[in-house]
Amino acid sequence: MIAMPLEQTRRKEPVAFDQLMEGLLHHAMKGRLDEAARLRLRDLGVDLERPLLSAYPLMTLLETVRLCSDLLHPELPREEARYRLGLRALEGFRST
C-alpha cells in the first residue's frame, strides 16, 4: 500500500483579503482616486474597474497603502500619513 500525503505542500504567502482592500480603497479613498491614481493602482495589480479579488499579495497591499497615504496626506510625514490613512481604512473596514 502506498502512503498518500494528507495535504500537498503549498507555498503559503501572506495576503490581504478583499474586505481590507475595500475599506482602504472604497471607503478611506472614496472620491480621492483620479484617473492617474487608478492607473498606478492597476500597475500594482488592483484594477478598480473590476470587482476586487478575494485576496491580494501582501506586497500589493503595502504598495497600495504607500500610494494612498501619499495621495491623501502629501503634506504630512509618511508615518503620520499612514497612521491617518489606517484610521480611515479601519472605519471603512468596520462598515463592510
PDB file of N, CA and C in Angstrom:
ATOM      1  N   MET A   1       0.848  -1.172   0.000  1.00  0.00           N
ATOM      2  CA  MET A   1       0.000   0.000   0.000  1.00  0.00           C
ATOM      3  C   MET A   1       0.901   1.245   0.000  1.00  0.00           C
ATOM      4  N   ILE A   2       0.566   2.190  -0.834  1.00  0.00           N
ATOM      5  CA  ILE A   2       1.338   3.426  -0.936  1.00  0.00           C
ATOM      6  C   ILE A   2       0.710   4.467  -0.020  1.00  0.00           C
ATOM      7  N   ALA A   3       1.549   5.079   0.798  1.00  0.00           N
ATOM      8  CA  ALA A   3       1.050   6.136   1.705  1.00  0.00           C
ATOM      9  C   ALA A   3       0.878   7.431   0.917  1.00  0.00           C
ATOM     10  N   MET A   4      -0.268   8.037   1.058  1.00  0.00           N
ATOM     11  CA  MET A   4      -0.554   9.304   0.379  1.00  0.00           C
ATOM     12  C   MET A   4      -0.496  10.429   1.401  1.00  0.00           C
ATOM     13  N   PRO A   5       0.192  11.508   1.059  1.00  0.00           N
ATOM     14  CA  PRO A   5       0.201  12.638   1.996  1.00  0.00           C
ATOM     15  C   PRO A   5      -1.203  13.229   2.123  1.00  0.00           C
ATOM     16  N   LEU A   6      -1.527  13.667   3.313  1.00  0.00           N
ATOM     17  CA  LEU A   6      -2.852  14.236   3.539  1.00  0.00           C
ATOM     18  C   LEU A   6      -3.024  15.569   2.819  1.00  0.00           C
ATOM     19  N   GLU A   7      -1.966  16.337   2.760  1.00  0.00           N
ATOM     20  CA  GLU A   7      -2.018  17.625   2.057  1.00  0.00           C
ATOM     21  C   GLU A   7      -0.796  17.738   1.187  1.00  0.00           C
ATOM     22  N   GLN A   8      -0.976  18.340   0.055  1.00  0.00           N
ATOM     23  CA  GLN A   8       0.182  18.660  -0.759  1.00  0.00           C
ATOM     24  C   GLN A   8       0.870  19.868  -0.144  1.00  0.00           C
ATOM     25  N   THR A   9       2.167  19.906  -0.278  1.00  0.00           N
ATOM     26  CA  THR A   9       2.886  21.071   0.214  1.00  0.00           C
ATOM     27  C   THR A   9       2.519  22.262  -0.669  1.00  0.00           C
ATOM     28  N   ARG A  10       2.065  23.304  -0.028  1.00  0.00           N
ATOM     29  CA  ARG A  10       1.685  24.515  -0.756  1.00  0.00           C
ATOM     30  C   ARG A  10       2.570  25.649  -0.310  1.00  0.00           C
ATOM     31  N   ARG A  11       2.827  26.513  -1.215  1.00  0.00           N
ATOM     32  CA  ARG A  11       3.575  27.714  -0.882  1.00  0.00           C
ATOM     33  C   ARG A  11       2.598  28.685  -0.236  1.00  0.00           C
ATOM     34  N   LYS A  12       2.884  29.072   0.985  1.00  0.00           N
ATOM     35  CA  LYS A  12       1.978  29.962   1.699  1.00  0.00           C
ATOM     36  C   LYS A  12       2.573  31.353   1.739  1.00  0.00           C
ATOM     37  N   GLU A  13       1.823  32.296   1.205  1.00  0.00           N
ATOM     38  CA  GLU A  13       2.255  33.690   1.189  1.00  0.00           C
ATOM     39  C   GLU A  13       1.223  34.519   1.937  1.00  0.00           C
ATOM     40  N   PRO A  14       1.677  35.529   2.662  1.00  0.00           N
ATOM     41  CA  PRO A  14       0.716  36.418   3.333  1.00  0.00           C
ATOM     42  C   PRO A  14      -0.128  37.157   2.297  1.00  0.00           C
ATOM     43  N   VAL A  15      -1.393  37.320   2.609  1.00  0.00           N
ATOM     44  CA  VAL A  15      -2.305  38.014   1.700  1.00  0.00           C
ATOM     45  C   VAL A  15      -3.149  39.022   2.465  1.00  0.00           C
ATOM     46  N   ALA A  16      -3.700  39.956   1.719  1.00  0.00           N
ATOM     47  CA  ALA A  16      -4.682  40.910   2.248  1.00  0.00           C
ATOM     48  C   ALA A  16      -6.012  40.560   1.604  1.00  0.00           C
ATOM     49  N   PHE A  17      -7.025  40.337   2.425  1.00  0.00           N
ATOM     50  CA  PHE A  17      -8.321  39.946   1.885  1.00  0.00           C
ATOM     51  C   PHE A  17      -9.109  41.153   1.396  1.00  0.00           C
ATOM     52  N   ASP A  18     -10.099  40.863   0.585  1.00  0.00           N
ATOM     53  CA  ASP A  18     -10.852  41.912  -0.094  1.00  0.00           C
ATOM     54  C   ASP A  18     -11.527  42.895   0.855  1.00  0.00           C
ATOM     55  N   GLN A  19     -11.907  42.465   2.048  1.00  0.00           N
ATOM     56  CA  GLN A  19     -12.561  43.382   2.985  1.00  0.00           C
ATOM     57  C   GLN A  19     -11.615  44.511   3.390  1.00  0.00           C
ATOM     58  N   LEU A  20     -10.354  44.178   3.585  1.00  0.00           N
ATOM     59  CA  LEU A  20      -9.363  45.198   3.933  1.00  0.00           C
ATOM     60  C   LEU A  20      -9.138  46.147   2.768  1.00  0.00           C
ATOM     61  N   MET A  21      -9.008  45.594   1.573  1.00  0.00           N
ATOM     62  CA  MET A  21      -8.814  46.431   0.384  1.00  0.00           C
ATOM     63  C   MET A  21     -10.045  47.303   0.138  1.00  0.00           C
ATOM     64  N   GLU A  22     -11.232  46.760   0.398  1.00  0.00           N
ATOM     65  CA  GLU A  22     -12.456  47.544   0.237  1.00  0.00           C
ATOM     66  C   GLU A  22     -12.491  48.702   1.227  1.00  0.00           C
ATOM     67  N   GLY A  23     -12.156  48.438   2.476  1.00  0.00           N
ATOM     68  CA  GLY A  23     -12.113  49.505   3.472  1.00  0.00           C
ATOM     69  C   GLY A  23     -11.148  50.600   3.082  1.00  0.00           C
ATOM     70  N   LEU A  24     -10.003  50.199   2.542  1.00  0.00           N
ATOM     71  CA  LEU A  24      -8.984  51.154   2.127  1.00  0.00           C
ATOM     72  C   LEU A  24      -9.397  51.928   0.880  1.00  0.00           C
ATOM     73  N   LEU A  25      -9.766  51.213  -0.167  1.00  0.00           N
ATOM     74  CA  LEU A  25      -9.977  51.857  -1.469  1.00  0.00           C
ATOM     75  C   LEU A  25     -11.371  52.436  -1.670  1.00  0.00           C
ATOM     76  N   HIS A  26     -12.392  51.736  -1.193  1.00  0.00           N
ATOM     77  CA  HIS A  26     -13.759  52.200  -1.435  1.00  0.00           C
ATOM     78  C   HIS A  26     -14.295  53.112  -0.337  1.00  0.00           C
ATOM     79  N   HIS A  27     -13.645  53.106   0.802  1.00  0.00           N
ATOM     80  CA  HIS A  27     -14.119  53.951   1.898  1.00  0.00           C
ATOM     81  C   HIS A  27     -13.106  55.041   2.246  1.00  0.00           C
ATOM     82  N   ALA A  28     -11.894  54.653   2.626  1.00  0.00           N
ATOM     83  CA  ALA A  28     -10.887  55.654   3.019  1.00  0.00           C
ATOM     84  C   ALA A  28     -10.523  56.567   1.856  1.00  0.00           C
ATOM     85  N   MET A  29     -10.498  56.028   0.648  1.00  0.00           N
ATOM     86  CA  MET A  29     -10.084  56.814  -0.513  1.00  0.00           C
ATOM     87  C   MET A  29     -11.262  57.215  -1.398  1.00  0.00           C
ATOM     88  N   LYS A  30     -12.464  57.054  -0.905  1.00  0.00           N
ATOM     89  CA  LYS A  30     -13.654  57.364  -1.700  1.00  0.00           C
ATOM     90  C   LYS A  30     -13.594  58.806  -2.227  1.00  0.00           C
ATOM     91  N   GLY A  31     -13.721  58.942  -3.545  1.00  0.00           N
ATOM     92  CA  GLY A  31     -13.720  60.250  -4.191  1.00  0.00           C
ATOM     93  C   GLY A  31     -12.345  60.896  -4.300  1.00  0.00           C
ATOM     94  N   ARG A  32     -11.292  60.171  -3.946  1.00  0.00           N
ATOM     95  CA  ARG A  32      -9.950  60.752  -3.944  1.00  0.00           C
ATOM     96  C   ARG A  32      -9.013  60.098  -4.956  1.00  0.00           C
ATOM     97  N   LEU A  33      -9.512  59.195  -5.741  1.00  0.00           N
ATOM     98  CA  LEU A  33      -8.676  58.493  -6.705  1.00  0.00           C
ATOM     99  C   LEU A  33      -8.992  58.965  -8.113  1.00  0.00           C
ATOM    100  N   ASP A  34      -8.123  59.805  -8.655  1.00  0.00           N
ATOM    101  CA  ASP A  34      -8.316  60.277 -10.024  1.00  0.00           C
ATOM    102  C   ASP A  34      -7.814  59.206 -11.000  1.00  0.00           C
ATOM    103  N   GLU A  35      -7.887  59.506 -12.281  1.00  0.00           N
ATOM    104  CA  GLU A  35      -7.511  58.519 -13.298  1.00  0.00           C
ATOM    105  C   GLU A  35      -6.038  58.116 -13.174  1.00  0.00           C
ATOM    106  N   ALA A  36      -5.177  59.066 -12.879  1.00  0.00           N
ATOM    107  CA  ALA A  36      -3.746  58.752 -12.725  1.00  0.00           C
ATOM    108  C   ALA A  36      -3.539  57.784 -11.555  1.00  0.00           C
ATOM    109  N   ALA A  37      -4.233  57.999 -10.461  1.00  0.00           N
ATOM    110  CA  ALA A  37      -4.116  57.109  -9.300  1.00  0.00           C
ATOM    111  C   ALA A  37      -4.662  55.719  -9.633  1.00  0.00           C
ATOM    112  N   ARG A  38      -5.760  55.674 -10.355  1.00  0.00           N
ATOM    113  CA  ARG A  38      -6.331  54.380 -10.744  1.00  0.00           C
ATOM    114  C   ARG A  38      -5.375  53.594 -11.640  1.00  0.00           C
ATOM    115  N   LEU A  39      -4.682  54.306 -12.530  1.00  0.00           N
ATOM    116  CA  LEU A  39      -3.696  53.644 -13.385  1.00  0.00           C
ATOM    117  C   LEU A  39      -2.516  53.131 -12.565  1.00  0.00           C
ATOM    118  N   ARG A  40      -2.074  53.892 -11.592  1.00  0.00           N
ATOM    119  CA  ARG A  40      -0.983  53.453 -10.722  1.00  0.00           C
ATOM    120  C   ARG A  40      -1.412  52.222  -9.923  1.00  0.00           C
ATOM    121  N   LEU A  41      -2.651  52.228  -9.443  1.00  0.00           N
ATOM    122  CA  LEU A  41      -3.158  51.054  -8.723  1.00  0.00           C
ATOM    123  C   LEU A  41      -3.212  49.839  -9.648  1.00  0.00           C
ATOM    124  N   ARG A  42      -3.646  50.046 -10.875  1.00  0.00           N
ATOM    125  CA  ARG A  42      -3.709  48.925 -11.819  1.00  0.00           C
ATOM    126  C   ARG A  42      -2.315  48.351 -12.057  1.00  0.00           C
ATOM    127  N   ASP A  43      -1.310  49.237 -12.116  1.00  0.00           N
ATOM    128  CA  ASP A  43       0.072  48.761 -12.257  1.00  0.00           C
ATOM    129  C   ASP A  43       0.504  47.922 -11.059  1.00  0.00           C
ATOM    130  N   LEU A  44      -0.079  48.194  -9.901  1.00  0.00           N
ATOM    131  CA  LEU A  44       0.213  47.415  -8.693  1.00  0.00           C
ATOM    132  C   LEU A  44      -0.570  46.106  -8.640  1.00  0.00           C
ATOM    133  N   GLY A  45      -1.549  45.941  -9.541  1.00  0.00           N
ATOM    134  CA  GLY A  45      -2.351  44.724  -9.558  1.00  0.00           C
ATOM    135  C   GLY A  45      -3.747  44.887  -8.990  1.00  0.00           C
ATOM    136  N   VAL A  46      -4.171  46.147  -8.798  1.00  0.00           N
ATOM    137  CA  VAL A  46      -5.500  46.425  -8.250  1.00  0.00           C
ATOM    138  C   VAL A  46      -6.280  47.199  -9.307  1.00  0.00           C
ATOM    139  N   ASP A  47      -7.186  46.520  -9.986  1.00  0.00           N
ATOM    140  CA  ASP A  47      -7.976  47.137 -11.047  1.00  0.00           C
ATOM    141  C   ASP A  47      -9.344  47.512 -10.491  1.00  0.00           C
ATOM    142  N   LEU A  48      -9.560  48.804 -10.284  1.00  0.00           N
ATOM    143  CA  LEU A  48     -10.817  49.266  -9.706  1.00  0.00           C
ATOM    144  C   LEU A  48     -11.967  49.293 -10.702  1.00  0.00           C
ATOM    145  N   GLU A  49     -11.690  48.951 -11.945  1.00  0.00           N
ATOM    146  CA  GLU A  49     -12.756  48.844 -12.946  1.00  0.00           C
ATOM    147  C   GLU A  49     -13.432  47.471 -12.883  1.00  0.00           C
ATOM    148  N   ARG A  50     -12.887  46.593 -12.067  1.00  0.00           N
ATOM    149  CA  ARG A  50     -13.422  45.237 -11.905  1.00  0.00           C
ATOM    150  C   ARG A  50     -13.705  45.000 -10.423  1.00  0.00           C
ATOM    151  N   PRO A  51     -14.489  43.993 -10.112  1.00  0.00           N
ATOM    152  CA  PRO A  51     -14.684  43.662  -8.687  1.00  0.00           C
ATOM    153  C   PRO A  51     -13.343  43.314  -8.049  1.00  0.00           C
ATOM    154  N   LEU A  52     -13.217  43.627  -6.769  1.00  0.00           N
ATOM    155  CA  LEU A  52     -11.986  43.295  -6.062  1.00  0.00           C
ATOM    156  C   LEU A  52     -11.780  41.783  -6.043  1.00  0.00           C
ATOM    157  N   LEU A  53     -10.526  41.365  -6.076  1.00  0.00           N
ATOM    158  CA  LEU A  53     -10.202  39.951  -5.945  1.00  0.00           C
ATOM    159  C   LEU A  53     -10.449  39.531  -4.500  1.00  0.00           C
ATOM    160  N   SER A  54     -10.530  38.256  -4.258  1.00  0.00           N
ATOM    161  CA  SER A  54     -10.758  37.791  -2.885  1.00  0.00           C
ATOM    162  C   SER A  54      -9.533  37.994  -2.004  1.00  0.00           C
ATOM    163  N   ALA A  55      -8.336  38.032  -2.594  1.00  0.00           N
ATOM    164  CA  ALA A  55      -7.114  38.255  -1.828  1.00  0.00           C
ATOM    165  C   ALA A  55      -6.052  38.857  -2.737  1.00  0.00           C
ATOM    166  N   TYR A  56      -5.173  39.641  -2.126  1.00  0.00           N
ATOM    167  CA  TYR A  56      -4.056  40.281  -2.825  1.00  0.00           C
ATOM    168  C   TYR A  56      -2.773  39.944  -2.081  1.00  0.00           C
ATOM    169  N   PRO A  57      -1.659  39.833  -2.806  1.00  0.00           N
ATOM    170  CA  PRO A  57      -0.380  39.604  -2.125  1.00  0.00           C
ATOM    171  C   PRO A  57      -0.085  40.743  -1.142  1.00  0.00           C
ATOM    172  N   LEU A  58       0.591  40.412  -0.065  1.00  0.00           N
ATOM    173  CA  LEU A  58       0.925  41.400   0.952  1.00  0.00           C
ATOM    174  C   LEU A  58       1.667  42.591   0.351  1.00  0.00           C
ATOM    175  N   MET A  59       2.570  42.354  -0.578  1.00  0.00           N
ATOM    176  CA  MET A  59       3.324  43.463  -1.182  1.00  0.00           C
ATOM    177  C   MET A  59       2.391  44.407  -1.942  1.00  0.00           C
ATOM    178  N   THR A  60       1.337  43.890  -2.528  1.00  0.00           N
ATOM    179  CA  THR A  60       0.364  44.742  -3.207  1.00  0.00           C
ATOM    180  C   THR A  60      -0.320  45.647  -2.196  1.00  0.00           C
ATOM    181  N   LEU A  61      -0.695  45.089  -1.054  1.00  0.00           N
ATOM    182  CA  LEU A  61      -1.295  45.905  -0.001  1.00  0.00           C
ATOM    183  C   LEU A  61      -0.335  46.993   0.452  1.00  0.00           C
ATOM    184  N   LEU A  62       0.906  46.640   0.723  1.00  0.00           N
ATOM    185  CA  LEU A  62       1.874  47.615   1.221  1.00  0.00           C
ATOM    186  C   LEU A  62       2.114  48.751   0.231  1.00  0.00           C
ATOM    187  N   GLU A  63       2.213  48.418  -1.041  1.00  0.00           N
ATOM    188  CA  GLU A  63       2.401  49.450  -2.066  1.00  0.00           C
ATOM    189  C   GLU A  63       1.133  50.294  -2.231  1.00  0.00           C
ATOM    190  N   THR A  64      -0.022  49.678  -2.083  1.00  0.00           N
ATOM    191  CA  THR A  64      -1.285  50.413  -2.164  1.00  0.00           C
ATOM    192  C   THR A  64      -1.403  51.389  -0.996  1.00  0.00           C
ATOM    193  N   VAL A  65      -1.025  50.955   0.186  1.00  0.00           N
ATOM    194  CA  VAL A  65      -1.040  51.839   1.357  1.00  0.00           C
ATOM    195  C   VAL A  65      -0.091  53.013   1.144  1.00  0.00           C
ATOM    196  N   ARG A  66       1.102  52.732   0.639  1.00  0.00           N
ATOM    197  CA  ARG A  66       2.067  53.804   0.375  1.00  0.00           C
ATOM    198  C   ARG A  66       1.483  54.832  -0.596  1.00  0.00           C
ATOM    199  N   LEU A  67       0.930  54.357  -1.695  1.00  0.00           N
ATOM    200  CA  LEU A  67       0.348  55.243  -2.696  1.00  0.00           C
ATOM    201  C   LEU A  67      -0.804  56.057  -2.111  1.00  0.00           C
ATOM    202  N   CYS A  68      -1.714  55.396  -1.435  1.00  0.00           N
ATOM    203  CA  CYS A  68      -2.898  56.078  -0.888  1.00  0.00           C
ATOM    204  C   CYS A  68      -2.531  57.085   0.200  1.00  0.00           C
ATOM    205  N   SER A  69      -1.590  56.738   1.058  1.00  0.00           N
ATOM    206  CA  SER A  69      -1.208  57.690   2.112  1.00  0.00           C
ATOM    207  C   SER A  69      -0.527  58.913   1.514  1.00  0.00           C
ATOM    208  N   ASP A  70       0.277  58.713   0.472  1.00  0.00           N
ATOM    209  CA  ASP A  70       0.899  59.853  -0.212  1.00  0.00           C
ATOM    210  C   ASP A  70      -0.150  60.739  -0.883  1.00  0.00           C
ATOM    211  N   LEU A  71      -1.181  60.130  -1.454  1.00  0.00           N
ATOM    212  CA  LEU A  71      -2.243  60.898  -2.108  1.00  0.00           C
ATOM    213  C   LEU A  71      -3.124  61.625  -1.105  1.00  0.00           C
ATOM    214  N   LEU A  72      -3.458  60.957  -0.027  1.00  0.00           N
ATOM    215  CA  LEU A  72      -4.394  61.505   0.953  1.00  0.00           C
ATOM    216  C   LEU A  72      -3.765  62.614   1.796  1.00  0.00           C
ATOM    217  N   HIS A  73      -2.513  62.432   2.179  1.00  0.00           N
ATOM    218  CA  HIS A  73      -1.842  63.388   3.072  1.00  0.00           C
ATOM    219  C   HIS A  73      -0.426  63.700   2.584  1.00  0.00           C
ATOM    220  N   PRO A  74      -0.277  64.343   1.429  1.00  0.00           N
ATOM    221  CA  PRO A  74       1.076  64.617   0.914  1.00  0.00           C
ATOM    222  C   PRO A  74       1.861  65.590   1.794  1.00  0.00           C
ATOM    223  N   GLU A  75       1.168  66.364   2.605  1.00  0.00           N
ATOM    224  CA  GLU A  75       1.822  67.380   3.429  1.00  0.00           C
ATOM    225  C   GLU A  75       2.387  66.824   4.734  1.00  0.00           C
ATOM    226  N   LEU A  76       2.024  65.582   5.062  1.00  0.00           N
ATOM    227  CA  LEU A  76       2.436  65.002   6.337  1.00  0.00           C
ATOM    228  C   LEU A  76       3.648  64.092   6.170  1.00  0.00           C
ATOM    229  N   PRO A  77       4.414  63.923   7.248  1.00  0.00           N
ATOM    230  CA  PRO A  77       5.465  62.892   7.208  1.00  0.00           C
ATOM    231  C   PRO A  77       4.819  61.528   6.911  1.00  0.00           C
ATOM    232  N   ARG A  78       5.556  60.674   6.255  1.00  0.00           N
ATOM    233  CA  ARG A  78       4.998  59.392   5.789  1.00  0.00           C
ATOM    234  C   ARG A  78       4.359  58.578   6.918  1.00  0.00           C
ATOM    235  N   GLU A  79       4.989  58.513   8.077  1.00  0.00           N
ATOM    236  CA  GLU A  79       4.431  57.735   9.201  1.00  0.00           C
ATOM    237  C   GLU A  79       3.062  58.280   9.627  1.00  0.00           C
ATOM    238  N   GLU A  80       2.952  59.591   9.753  1.00  0.00           N
ATOM    239  CA  GLU A  80       1.692  60.209  10.163  1.00  0.00           C
ATOM    240  C   GLU A  80       0.624  60.012   9.093  1.00  0.00           C
ATOM    241  N   ALA A  81       1.015  60.140   7.821  1.00  0.00           N
ATOM    242  CA  ALA A  81       0.072  59.942   6.716  1.00  0.00           C
ATOM    243  C   ALA A  81      -0.472  58.518   6.728  1.00  0.00           C
ATOM    244  N   ARG A  82       0.392  57.551   6.960  1.00  0.00           N
ATOM    245  CA  ARG A  82      -0.054  56.152   7.010  1.00  0.00           C
ATOM    246  C   ARG A  82      -0.956  55.895   8.211  1.00  0.00           C
ATOM    247  N   TYR A  83      -0.626  56.498   9.322  1.00  0.00           N
ATOM    248  CA  TYR A  83      -1.458  56.342  10.515  1.00  0.00           C
ATOM    249  C   TYR A  83      -2.874  56.865  10.258  1.00  0.00           C
ATOM    250  N   ARG A  84      -2.966  58.059   9.684  1.00  0.00           N
ATOM    251  CA  ARG A  84      -4.291  58.638   9.417  1.00  0.00           C
ATOM    252  C   ARG A  84      -5.054  57.843   8.373  1.00  0.00           C
ATOM    253  N   LEU A  85      -4.352  57.380   7.362  1.00  0.00           N
ATOM    254  CA  LEU A  85      -4.993  56.524   6.370  1.00  0.00           C
ATOM    255  C   LEU A  85      -5.496  55.246   7.039  1.00  0.00           C
ATOM    256  N   GLY A  86      -4.700  54.688   7.921  1.00  0.00           N
ATOM    257  CA  GLY A  86      -5.100  53.474   8.638  1.00  0.00           C
ATOM    258  C   GLY A  86      -6.375  53.667   9.439  1.00  0.00           C
ATOM    259  N   LEU A  87      -6.483  54.819  10.106  1.00  0.00           N
ATOM    260  CA  LEU A  87      -7.711  55.101  10.857  1.00  0.00           C
ATOM    261  C   LEU A  87      -8.920  55.133   9.934  1.00  0.00           C
ATOM    262  N   ARG A  88      -8.783  55.813   8.801  1.00  0.00           N
ATOM    263  CA  ARG A  88      -9.891  55.886   7.841  1.00  0.00           C
ATOM    264  C   ARG A  88     -10.221  54.501   7.268  1.00  0.00           C
ATOM    265  N   ALA A  89      -9.171  53.717   6.983  1.00  0.00           N
ATOM    266  CA  ALA A  89      -9.399  52.387   6.423  1.00  0.00           C
ATOM    267  C   ALA A  89     -10.098  51.474   7.440  1.00  0.00           C
ATOM    268  N   LEU A  90      -9.719  51.577   8.701  1.00  0.00           N
ATOM    269  CA  LEU A  90     -10.383  50.776   9.727  1.00  0.00           C
ATOM    270  C   LEU A  90     -11.850  51.160   9.875  1.00  0.00           C
ATOM    271  N   GLU A  91     -12.136  52.450   9.787  1.00  0.00           N
ATOM    272  CA  GLU A  91     -13.524  52.885   9.816  1.00  0.00           C
ATOM    273  C   GLU A  91     -14.282  52.304   8.629  1.00  0.00           C
ATOM    274  N   GLY A  92     -13.644  52.311   7.453  1.00  0.00           N
ATOM    275  CA  GLY A  92     -14.262  51.721   6.264  1.00  0.00           C
ATOM    276  C   GLY A  92     -14.416  50.223   6.389  1.00  0.00           C
ATOM    277  N   PHE A  93     -13.376  49.558   6.916  1.00  0.00           N
ATOM    278  CA  PHE A  93     -13.432  48.107   7.111  1.00  0.00           C
ATOM    279  C   PHE A  93     -14.570  47.736   8.052  1.00  0.00           C
ATOM    280  N   ARG A  94     -14.743  48.528   9.076  1.00  0.00           N
ATOM    281  CA  ARG A  94     -15.814  48.271  10.052  1.00  0.00           C
ATOM    282  C   ARG A  94     -17.176  48.340   9.395  1.00  0.00           C
ATOM    283  N   SER A  95     -17.313  49.151   8.354  1.00  0.00           N
ATOM    284  CA  SER A  95     -18.620  49.300   7.711  1.00  0.00           C
ATOM    285  C   SER A  95     -18.873  48.259   6.620  1.00  0.00           C
ATOM    286  N   THR A  96     -17.877  47.388   6.338  1.00  0.00           N
ATOM    287  CA  THR A  96     -18.083  46.373   5.300  1.00  0.00           C
ATOM    288  C   THR A  96     -18.764  45.145   5.863  1.00  0.00           C
TER     289      THR A  96
END
